[in-house]
Amino acid sequence: MLTARELMTEDVETVTADEEVSEVLTKMSQADFNGYPVVERVETEERTYERLVGVVTQRDMVELFQPSDRTVWVPIGLPPFLETLEYQIDLSWDALDTELDLFKNAGRPVRDVMTTDVVTLGPDATLDEILDVLATDERDVNRVPIIEDDEIVGIVTREDAIRAIRMERTAKEGGAEEGR
């Protein structure tokens, strides 16, 4: 059975918790993926390393910049005021709202918007354990940081897991044909 150590990408692109939202948005727009592990530098007498403190994804950014709900329902009573009608008034100025949200949030540190309850696994986690996180977690996890001795040492994505399943299936089919 394949393990996270065999599947993971070791050179993990990360952002720091103090980076501004605008910086991370720029990085996301230029990357081939839609999220980053968020790390803080830890210095001890023995070593210096990056400790995982969260994850920031496109979904976090969308939630940050989604225009506010500006729909107001106004009840209007008609004589004899036994029944009321409700009229919807949309007060949003979508483009302006988005620009104002961008201006208001661009300088915020990523720590304010990141997800801190991150599912992680160790390097010896099996493919089945990885699939359990990627396929059944109600949070719709797309990537699993791999942690060893409190340090992020790799990351396994859904694509990595799918590729591994394909490799295992191809190997089994090849072995079955050889046995005929």
C-alpha atoms as a PDB file:
ATOM      1  CA  MET A   1       0.000   0.000   0.000  1.00  0.00           C
ATOM      2  CA  LEU A   2       1.312   3.435  -0.943  1.00  0.00           C
ATOM      3  CA  THR A   3       2.026   5.951   1.814  1.00  0.00           C
ATOM      4  CA  ALA A   4       1.867   9.721   2.023  1.00  0.00           C
ATOM      5  CA  ARG A   5       5.675   9.825   1.912  1.00  0.00           C
ATOM      6  CA  GLU A   6       5.584   8.204  -1.535  1.00  0.00           C
ATOM      7  CA  LEU A   7       2.772  10.405  -2.842  1.00  0.00           C
ATOM      8  CA  MET A   8       3.511  13.796  -1.339  1.00  0.00           C
ATOM      9  CA  THR A   9       5.080  16.803  -2.957  1.00  0.00           C
ATOM     10  CA  GLU A  10       7.970  17.741  -0.689  1.00  0.00           C
ATOM     11  CA  ASP A  11       8.616  21.244  -1.994  1.00  0.00           C
ATOM     12  CA  VAL A  12       5.472  22.803  -0.546  1.00  0.00           C
ATOM     13  CA  GLU A  13       4.636  26.373  -1.481  1.00  0.00           C
ATOM     14  CA  THR A  14       3.423  28.128   1.639  1.00  0.00           C
ATOM     15  CA  VAL A  15       2.437  31.586   2.825  1.00  0.00           C
ATOM     16  CA  THR A  16       2.994  33.104   6.233  1.00  0.00           C
ATOM     17  CA  ALA A  17       0.255  34.070   8.634  1.00  0.00           C
ATOM     18  CA  ASP A  18       1.397  37.700   8.501  1.00  0.00           C
ATOM     19  CA  GLU A  19       1.258  38.039   4.694  1.00  0.00           C
ATOM     20  CA  GLU A  20      -1.417  40.402   3.467  1.00  0.00           C
ATOM     21  CA  VAL A  21      -4.523  39.095   1.751  1.00  0.00           C
ATOM     22  CA  SER A  22      -3.612  41.080  -1.396  1.00  0.00           C
ATOM     23  CA  GLU A  23      -0.219  39.322  -1.611  1.00  0.00           C
ATOM     24  CA  VAL A  24      -1.803  35.892  -1.294  1.00  0.00           C
ATOM     25  CA  LEU A  25      -4.481  36.753  -3.872  1.00  0.00           C
ATOM     26  CA  THR A  26      -1.713  37.704  -6.296  1.00  0.00           C
ATOM     27  CA  LYS A  27       0.103  34.410  -5.641  1.00  0.00           C
ATOM     28  CA  MET A  28      -3.131  32.440  -6.122  1.00  0.00           C
ATOM     29  CA  SER A  29      -3.835  34.144  -9.421  1.00  0.00           C
ATOM     30  CA  GLN A  30      -0.432  33.003 -10.710  1.00  0.00           C
ATOM     31  CA  ALA A  31      -0.463  29.467  -9.273  1.00  0.00           C
ATOM     32  CA  ASP A  32      -1.770  26.195 -10.682  1.00  0.00           C
ATOM     33  CA  PHE A  33      -3.545  25.408  -7.411  1.00  0.00           C
ATOM     34  CA  ASN A  34      -6.153  27.091  -5.263  1.00  0.00           C
ATOM     35  CA  GLY A  35      -4.828  27.095  -1.720  1.00  0.00           C
ATOM     36  CA  TYR A  36      -1.778  27.395   0.475  1.00  0.00           C
ATOM     37  CA  PRO A  37      -0.693  25.984   3.792  1.00  0.00           C
ATOM     38  CA  VAL A  38      -0.124  28.882   6.202  1.00  0.00           C
ATOM     39  CA  VAL A  39       3.004  28.615   8.332  1.00  0.00           C
ATOM     40  CA  GLU A  40       4.830  30.417  11.096  1.00  0.00           C
ATOM     41  CA  ARG A  41       8.566  30.229  11.569  1.00  0.00           C
ATOM     42  CA  VAL A  42       9.611  28.482  14.772  1.00  0.00           C
ATOM     43  CA  GLU A  43      13.121  28.839  16.148  1.00  0.00           C
ATOM     44  CA  THR A  44      14.351  26.532  18.881  1.00  0.00           C
ATOM     45  CA  GLU A  45      17.849  25.787  20.092  1.00  0.00           C
ATOM     46  CA  GLU A  46      17.836  22.568  18.066  1.00  0.00           C
ATOM     47  CA  ARG A  47      16.349  23.774  14.796  1.00  0.00           C
ATOM     48  CA  THR A  48      14.401  26.340  12.816  1.00  0.00           C
ATOM     49  CA  TYR A  49      11.337  25.157  10.928  1.00  0.00           C
ATOM     50  CA  GLU A  50       7.940  26.162   9.595  1.00  0.00           C
ATOM     51  CA  ARG A  51       4.962  25.033  11.683  1.00  0.00           C
ATOM     52  CA  LEU A  52       1.556  24.703  10.051  1.00  0.00           C
ATOM     53  CA  VAL A  53      -0.986  27.105  11.575  1.00  0.00           C
ATOM     54  CA  GLY A  54      -3.724  27.034   8.944  1.00  0.00           C
ATOM     55  CA  VAL A  55      -4.749  26.818   5.314  1.00  0.00           C
ATOM     56  CA  VAL A  56      -6.013  29.604   3.070  1.00  0.00           C
ATOM     57  CA  THR A  57      -7.998  28.732  -0.060  1.00  0.00           C
ATOM     58  CA  GLN A  58      -9.868  30.429  -2.863  1.00  0.00           C
ATOM     59  CA  ARG A  59     -13.051  29.642  -0.950  1.00  0.00           C
ATOM     60  CA  ASP A  60     -11.780  31.702   2.004  1.00  0.00           C
ATOM     61  CA  MET A  61     -11.139  34.598  -0.362  1.00  0.00           C
ATOM     62  CA  VAL A  62     -14.537  34.316  -2.044  1.00  0.00           C
ATOM     63  CA  GLU A  63     -16.230  34.418   1.348  1.00  0.00           C
ATOM     64  CA  LEU A  64     -14.138  37.458   2.249  1.00  0.00           C
ATOM     65  CA  PHE A  65     -15.049  39.389  -0.884  1.00  0.00           C
ATOM     66  CA  GLN A  66     -18.614  38.278  -1.400  1.00  0.00           C
ATOM     67  CA  PRO A  67     -20.787  41.383  -1.493  1.00  0.00           C
ATOM     68  CA  SER A  68     -22.927  41.794   1.597  1.00  0.00           C
ATOM     69  CA  ASP A  69     -26.541  40.769   1.552  1.00  0.00           C
ATOM     70  CA  ARG A  70     -28.265  44.034   0.859  1.00  0.00           C
ATOM     71  CA  THR A  71     -31.714  42.756   0.037  1.00  0.00           C
ATOM     72  CA  VAL A  72     -34.401  44.228   2.227  1.00  0.00           C
ATOM     73  CA  TRP A  73     -37.904  42.805   2.444  1.00  0.00           C
ATOM     74  CA  VAL A  74     -40.390  45.552   3.144  1.00  0.00           C
ATOM     75  CA  PRO A  75     -43.863  44.543   4.359  1.00  0.00           C
ATOM     76  CA  ILE A  76     -46.513  46.876   3.072  1.00  0.00           C
ATOM     77  CA  GLY A  77     -49.969  46.684   4.592  1.00  0.00           C
ATOM     78  CA  LEU A  78     -52.998  47.287   2.390  1.00  0.00           C
ATOM     79  CA  PRO A  79     -56.364  48.321   3.782  1.00  0.00           C
ATOM     80  CA  PRO A  80     -57.901  46.733   5.756  1.00  0.00           C
ATOM     81  CA  PHE A  81     -54.345  45.707   6.881  1.00  0.00           C
ATOM     82  CA  LEU A  82     -55.334  42.074   7.291  1.00  0.00           C
ATOM     83  CA  GLU A  83     -52.850  40.954   4.680  1.00  0.00           C
ATOM     84  CA  THR A  84     -49.420  42.296   3.945  1.00  0.00           C
ATOM     85  CA  LEU A  85     -47.477  42.102   0.732  1.00  0.00           C
ATOM     86  CA  GLU A  86     -43.727  41.923   0.773  1.00  0.00           C
ATOM     87  CA  TYR A  87     -41.640  43.763  -1.774  1.00  0.00           C
ATOM     88  CA  GLN A  88     -37.992  43.024  -2.352  1.00  0.00           C
ATOM     89  CA  ILE A  89     -35.650  45.964  -2.704  1.00  0.00           C
ATOM     90  CA  ASP A  90     -32.111  45.170  -3.816  1.00  0.00           C
ATOM     91  CA  LEU A  91     -29.723  47.723  -2.366  1.00  0.00           C
ATOM     92  CA  SER A  92     -26.490  46.140  -3.634  1.00  0.00           C
ATOM     93  CA  TRP A  93     -24.049  47.788  -5.958  1.00  0.00           C
ATOM     94  CA  ASP A  94     -22.174  44.594  -6.796  1.00  0.00           C
ATOM     95  CA  ALA A  95     -19.080  46.029  -8.502  1.00  0.00           C
ATOM     96  CA  LEU A  96     -18.771  48.817  -5.984  1.00  0.00           C
ATOM     97  CA  ASP A  97     -19.325  46.410  -3.065  1.00  0.00           C
ATOM     98  CA  THR A  98     -16.583  44.108  -4.342  1.00  0.00           C
ATOM     99  CA  GLU A  99     -14.160  46.989  -4.834  1.00  0.00           C
ATOM    100  CA  LEU A 100     -14.913  48.336  -1.362  1.00  0.00           C
ATOM    101  CA  ASP A 101     -14.494  44.861   0.147  1.00  0.00           C
ATOM    102  CA  LEU A 102     -11.187  44.474  -1.700  1.00  0.00           C
ATOM    103  CA  PHE A 103      -9.966  47.858  -0.504  1.00  0.00           C
ATOM    104  CA  LYS A 104     -11.118  47.172   3.056  1.00  0.00           C
ATOM    105  CA  ASN A 105      -9.591  43.663   3.269  1.00  0.00           C
ATOM    106  CA  ALA A 106      -6.493  43.799   1.052  1.00  0.00           C
ATOM    107  CA  GLY A 107      -4.153  44.757   3.875  1.00  0.00           C
ATOM    108  CA  ARG A 108      -5.498  42.265   6.402  1.00  0.00           C
ATOM    109  CA  PRO A 109      -3.148  39.482   7.448  1.00  0.00           C
ATOM    110  CA  VAL A 110      -3.963  36.008   6.176  1.00  0.00           C
ATOM    111  CA  ARG A 111      -4.286  34.838   9.800  1.00  0.00           C
ATOM    112  CA  ASP A 112      -7.633  36.697   9.910  1.00  0.00           C
ATOM    113  CA  VAL A 113      -9.172  34.671   7.070  1.00  0.00           C
ATOM    114  CA  MET A 114      -7.397  31.296   7.102  1.00  0.00           C
ATOM    115  CA  THR A 115      -8.918  28.039   8.237  1.00  0.00           C
ATOM    116  CA  THR A 116      -7.204  26.942  11.437  1.00  0.00           C
ATOM    117  CA  ASP A 117      -8.865  23.556  11.936  1.00  0.00           C
ATOM    118  CA  VAL A 118      -6.714  21.756   9.384  1.00  0.00           C
ATOM    119  CA  VAL A 119      -6.797  18.013   8.785  1.00  0.00           C
ATOM    120  CA  THR A 120      -3.233  16.685   8.614  1.00  0.00           C
ATOM    121  CA  LEU A 121      -1.621  13.281   8.341  1.00  0.00           C
ATOM    122  CA  GLY A 122       1.821  11.853   8.987  1.00  0.00           C
ATOM    123  CA  PRO A 123       4.188  10.616   6.275  1.00  0.00           C
ATOM    124  CA  ASP A 124       3.345   6.973   7.025  1.00  0.00           C
ATOM    125  CA  ALA A 125      -0.399   7.450   6.400  1.00  0.00           C
ATOM    126  CA  THR A 126      -1.705   4.964   3.855  1.00  0.00           C
ATOM    127  CA  LEU A 127      -3.481   5.811   0.635  1.00  0.00           C
ATOM    128  CA  ASP A 128      -6.715   4.613   2.261  1.00  0.00           C
ATOM    129  CA  GLU A 129      -6.245   7.065   5.148  1.00  0.00           C
ATOM    130  CA  ILE A 130      -5.583   9.859   2.673  1.00  0.00           C
ATOM    131  CA  LEU A 131      -8.694   8.920   0.703  1.00  0.00           C
ATOM    132  CA  ASP A 132     -10.736   8.921   3.919  1.00  0.00           C
ATOM    133  CA  VAL A 133      -9.828  12.591   4.389  1.00  0.00           C
ATOM    134  CA  LEU A 134     -10.167  13.640   0.750  1.00  0.00           C
ATOM    135  CA  ALA A 135     -13.346  11.734  -0.042  1.00  0.00           C
ATOM    136  CA  THR A 136     -15.402  11.711   3.124  1.00  0.00           C
ATOM    137  CA  ASP A 137     -14.584  14.857   5.047  1.00  0.00           C
ATOM    138  CA  GLU A 138     -17.588  17.169   5.038  1.00  0.00           C
ATOM    139  CA  ARG A 139     -15.271  20.160   4.725  1.00  0.00           C
ATOM    140  CA  ASP A 140     -14.405  19.296   1.112  1.00  0.00           C
ATOM    141  CA  VAL A 141     -10.653  18.964   1.658  1.00  0.00           C
ATOM    142  CA  ASN A 142      -8.585  19.197  -1.546  1.00  0.00           C
ATOM    143  CA  ARG A 143      -5.115  18.860  -0.061  1.00  0.00           C
ATOM    144  CA  VAL A 144      -3.688  17.210   3.045  1.00  0.00           C
ATOM    145  CA  PRO A 145      -0.576  18.694   4.663  1.00  0.00           C
ATOM    146  CA  ILE A 146       1.858  16.020   5.802  1.00  0.00           C
ATOM    147  CA  ILE A 147       3.366  16.780   9.206  1.00  0.00           C
ATOM    148  CA  GLU A 148       6.380  15.176  10.869  1.00  0.00           C
ATOM    149  CA  ASP A 149       7.877  16.403  14.156  1.00  0.00           C
ATOM    150  CA  ASP A 150       5.549  19.448  14.075  1.00  0.00           C
ATOM    151  CA  GLU A 151       6.965  20.499  10.672  1.00  0.00           C
ATOM    152  CA  ILE A 152       5.229  20.487   7.295  1.00  0.00           C
ATOM    153  CA  VAL A 153       7.234  18.048   5.169  1.00  0.00           C
ATOM    154  CA  GLY A 154       4.882  17.608   2.230  1.00  0.00           C
ATOM    155  CA  ILE A 155       1.410  17.840   0.821  1.00  0.00           C
ATOM    156  CA  VAL A 156      -0.862  15.301  -0.889  1.00  0.00           C
ATOM    157  CA  THR A 157      -3.580  16.590  -3.197  1.00  0.00           C
ATOM    158  CA  ARG A 158      -6.678  14.910  -4.584  1.00  0.00           C
ATOM    159  CA  GLU A 159      -4.881  14.724  -7.905  1.00  0.00           C
ATOM    160  CA  ASP A 160      -1.975  12.855  -6.260  1.00  0.00           C
ATOM    161  CA  ALA A 161      -4.421  10.339  -4.731  1.00  0.00           C
ATOM    162  CA  ILE A 162      -6.278   9.815  -8.014  1.00  0.00           C
ATOM    163  CA  ARG A 163      -2.984   9.318  -9.842  1.00  0.00           C
ATOM    164  CA  ALA A 164      -1.937   6.729  -7.222  1.00  0.00           C
ATOM    165  CA  ILE A 165      -5.211   4.823  -7.598  1.00  0.00           C
ATOM    166  CA  ARG A 166      -4.710   4.819 -11.363  1.00  0.00           C
ATOM    167  CA  MET A 167      -1.135   3.523 -10.965  1.00  0.00           C
ATOM    168  CA  GLU A 168      -2.294   0.739  -8.629  1.00  0.00           C
ATOM    169  CA  ARG A 169      -5.111  -0.234 -10.996  1.00  0.00           C
ATOM    170  CA  THR A 170      -2.774  -0.253 -14.004  1.00  0.00           C
ATOM    171  CA  ALA A 171      -0.230  -2.382 -12.097  1.00  0.00           C
ATOM    172  CA  LYS A 172      -2.919  -4.904 -11.100  1.00  0.00           C
ATOM    173  CA  GLU A 173      -4.278  -5.108 -14.653  1.00  0.00           C
ATOM    174  CA  GLY A 174      -0.764  -5.617 -15.991  1.00  0.00           C
ATOM    175  CA  GLY A 175      -0.103  -8.359 -13.437  1.00  0.00           C
ATOM    176  CA  ALA A 176      -3.406 -10.070 -14.239  1.00  0.00           C
ATOM    177  CA  GLU A 177      -2.587 -10.143 -17.941  1.00  0.00           C
ATOM    178  CA  GLU A 178       0.878 -11.592 -17.274  1.00  0.00           C
ATOM    179  CA  GLY A 179      -0.658 -14.440 -15.245  1.00  0.00           C
ATOM    180  CA  ARG A 180      -2.843 -15.576 -18.147  1.00  0.00           C
END
